[in-house]
Structure formats: structure tokens, C-alpha cells
Amino acid sequence: MPKTLEVVCTRNDCDLDMFELHYQYSMPDGTGVEAFSCPYCGESGGLEEIHV
């Protein structure tokens, strides 16, 4: 089963609550939240991984 990553955007001006990334098996090891940007506001600086 491919890995999933739960992410929240913490920027004050972004209304996105949380989202989940579903990796493909070919995703390089060590890929983390820093490789992505928020699908709502487009910024990457406010993304944080959450552990549920």
C-alpha cells in the first residue's frame, strides 16, 4: 500500500483545514511535506505534517 501524508496549512490567510497526499510507489524515499505546496493558497511555507 502506498504511503499517505496528512498535511495542514497553517497560514492565517488560508482556509484549507487539512488534506492527504497519497504517494505512488515510485515516489523517492525521504519525500516530505517540504516538496509540496498548498492546493488552496499555493504557498509551501505554511505546510506542516500532522500525525493522526
N, C-alpha and C. Protein backbone atom coordinates (compact mmCIF):
# COMPACT_ATOMS: atom_id res chain seq x y z
N MET A 1 0.85 -1.18 0.00
CA MET A 1 0.00 0.00 0.00
C MET A 1 0.89 1.25 0.00
N PRO A 2 0.65 2.19 -0.93
CA PRO A 2 1.45 3.42 -0.94
C PRO A 2 1.28 4.24 0.33
N LYS A 3 2.32 4.96 0.66
CA LYS A 3 2.33 5.82 1.84
C LYS A 3 1.35 6.99 1.68
N THR A 4 0.79 7.45 2.79
CA THR A 4 -0.01 8.67 2.78
C THR A 4 0.62 9.67 3.74
N LEU A 5 0.33 10.94 3.50
CA LEU A 5 0.88 12.02 4.31
C LEU A 5 -0.25 13.00 4.58
N GLU A 6 -0.59 13.20 5.85
CA GLU A 6 -1.63 14.16 6.23
C GLU A 6 -0.97 15.51 6.47
N VAL A 7 -1.54 16.56 5.88
CA VAL A 7 -0.92 17.87 5.88
C VAL A 7 -1.94 18.94 6.24
N VAL A 8 -1.48 19.96 6.96
CA VAL A 8 -2.30 21.12 7.29
C VAL A 8 -1.56 22.37 6.81
N CYS A 9 -2.32 23.37 6.35
CA CYS A 9 -1.74 24.65 6.00
C CYS A 9 -2.00 25.60 7.17
N THR A 10 -0.94 26.12 7.74
CA THR A 10 -1.05 26.94 8.95
C THR A 10 -1.06 28.44 8.66
N ARG A 11 -1.06 28.83 7.38
CA ARG A 11 -1.08 30.25 7.05
C ARG A 11 -2.41 30.87 7.48
N ASN A 12 -2.35 32.03 8.12
CA ASN A 12 -3.55 32.70 8.63
C ASN A 12 -4.54 33.06 7.53
N ASP A 13 -4.05 33.36 6.34
CA ASP A 13 -4.94 33.76 5.26
C ASP A 13 -5.41 32.60 4.39
N CYS A 14 -5.17 31.36 4.82
CA CYS A 14 -5.61 30.17 4.08
C CYS A 14 -6.73 29.48 4.84
N ASP A 15 -7.79 29.14 4.14
CA ASP A 15 -8.95 28.50 4.76
C ASP A 15 -8.95 26.98 4.67
N LEU A 16 -7.89 26.40 4.11
CA LEU A 16 -7.83 24.93 4.00
C LEU A 16 -7.59 24.31 5.36
N ASP A 17 -8.39 23.34 5.72
CA ASP A 17 -8.24 22.67 7.01
C ASP A 17 -7.10 21.67 6.97
N MET A 18 -7.27 20.61 6.20
CA MET A 18 -6.22 19.61 6.05
C MET A 18 -6.46 18.85 4.76
N PHE A 19 -5.42 18.17 4.29
CA PHE A 19 -5.55 17.32 3.12
C PHE A 19 -4.59 16.15 3.26
N GLU A 20 -4.79 15.16 2.42
CA GLU A 20 -4.00 13.94 2.49
C GLU A 20 -3.35 13.70 1.14
N LEU A 21 -2.06 13.43 1.15
CA LEU A 21 -1.32 13.10 -0.06
C LEU A 21 -1.14 11.60 -0.13
N HIS A 22 -1.44 11.03 -1.27
CA HIS A 22 -1.26 9.60 -1.49
C HIS A 22 -0.09 9.42 -2.44
N TYR A 23 0.98 8.84 -1.96
CA TYR A 23 2.19 8.65 -2.76
C TYR A 23 2.04 7.45 -3.69
N GLN A 24 2.71 7.51 -4.80
CA GLN A 24 2.89 6.35 -5.66
C GLN A 24 4.10 5.58 -5.16
N TYR A 25 4.22 4.35 -5.55
CA TYR A 25 5.38 3.56 -5.13
C TYR A 25 6.69 4.14 -5.66
N SER A 26 6.62 4.88 -6.75
CA SER A 26 7.85 5.41 -7.35
C SER A 26 8.31 6.73 -6.71
N MET A 27 7.59 7.24 -5.71
CA MET A 27 8.00 8.47 -5.03
C MET A 27 9.33 8.22 -4.32
N PRO A 28 10.31 9.09 -4.49
CA PRO A 28 11.62 8.89 -3.86
C PRO A 28 11.51 8.82 -2.33
N ASP A 29 12.31 7.96 -1.72
CA ASP A 29 12.37 7.89 -0.26
C ASP A 29 12.79 9.25 0.29
N GLY A 30 12.25 9.61 1.42
CA GLY A 30 12.58 10.87 2.05
C GLY A 30 11.75 12.05 1.58
N THR A 31 10.83 11.83 0.64
CA THR A 31 9.96 12.92 0.20
C THR A 31 9.03 13.29 1.34
N GLY A 32 9.01 14.55 1.67
CA GLY A 32 8.18 15.01 2.78
C GLY A 32 7.36 16.22 2.40
N VAL A 33 6.77 16.84 3.39
CA VAL A 33 5.87 17.96 3.19
C VAL A 33 6.55 19.14 2.50
N GLU A 34 7.86 19.28 2.66
CA GLU A 34 8.59 20.39 2.05
C GLU A 34 8.60 20.33 0.53
N ALA A 35 8.25 19.20 -0.05
CA ALA A 35 8.25 19.03 -1.50
C ALA A 35 6.93 19.49 -2.14
N PHE A 36 5.97 19.92 -1.33
CA PHE A 36 4.64 20.23 -1.83
C PHE A 36 4.22 21.66 -1.50
N SER A 37 3.18 22.13 -2.17
CA SER A 37 2.59 23.43 -1.86
C SER A 37 1.10 23.22 -1.60
N CYS A 38 0.48 24.14 -0.90
CA CYS A 38 -0.93 24.06 -0.55
C CYS A 38 -1.79 24.14 -1.82
N PRO A 39 -2.72 23.20 -2.01
CA PRO A 39 -3.56 23.25 -3.20
C PRO A 39 -4.58 24.39 -3.15
N TYR A 40 -4.78 25.01 -2.00
CA TYR A 40 -5.75 26.10 -1.87
C TYR A 40 -5.10 27.47 -2.08
N CYS A 41 -4.06 27.78 -1.30
CA CYS A 41 -3.44 29.11 -1.39
C CYS A 41 -2.19 29.11 -2.27
N GLY A 42 -1.65 27.94 -2.58
CA GLY A 42 -0.49 27.84 -3.45
C GLY A 42 0.85 28.05 -2.77
N GLU A 43 0.86 28.33 -1.48
CA GLU A 43 2.11 28.57 -0.75
C GLU A 43 2.64 27.26 -0.16
N SER A 44 3.94 27.19 0.04
CA SER A 44 4.54 26.00 0.64
C SER A 44 5.05 26.27 2.06
N GLY A 45 5.22 27.54 2.41
CA GLY A 45 5.81 27.90 3.69
C GLY A 45 4.98 27.54 4.91
N GLY A 46 3.68 27.36 4.78
CA GLY A 46 2.85 27.09 5.95
C GLY A 46 2.44 25.64 6.11
N LEU A 47 2.96 24.75 5.27
CA LEU A 47 2.55 23.35 5.35
C LEU A 47 3.27 22.63 6.48
N GLU A 48 2.50 21.84 7.21
CA GLU A 48 3.07 21.01 8.28
C GLU A 48 2.43 19.64 8.24
N GLU A 49 3.23 18.62 8.47
CA GLU A 49 2.71 17.25 8.55
C GLU A 49 1.99 17.09 9.88
N ILE A 50 0.86 16.41 9.86
CA ILE A 50 0.16 16.07 11.10
C ILE A 50 0.10 14.56 11.22
N HIS A 51 0.14 14.10 12.45
CA HIS A 51 0.11 12.66 12.71
C HIS A 51 -1.23 12.34 13.36
N VAL A 52 -2.06 11.59 12.64
CA VAL A 52 -3.38 11.23 13.15
C VAL A 52 -3.43 9.79 13.57
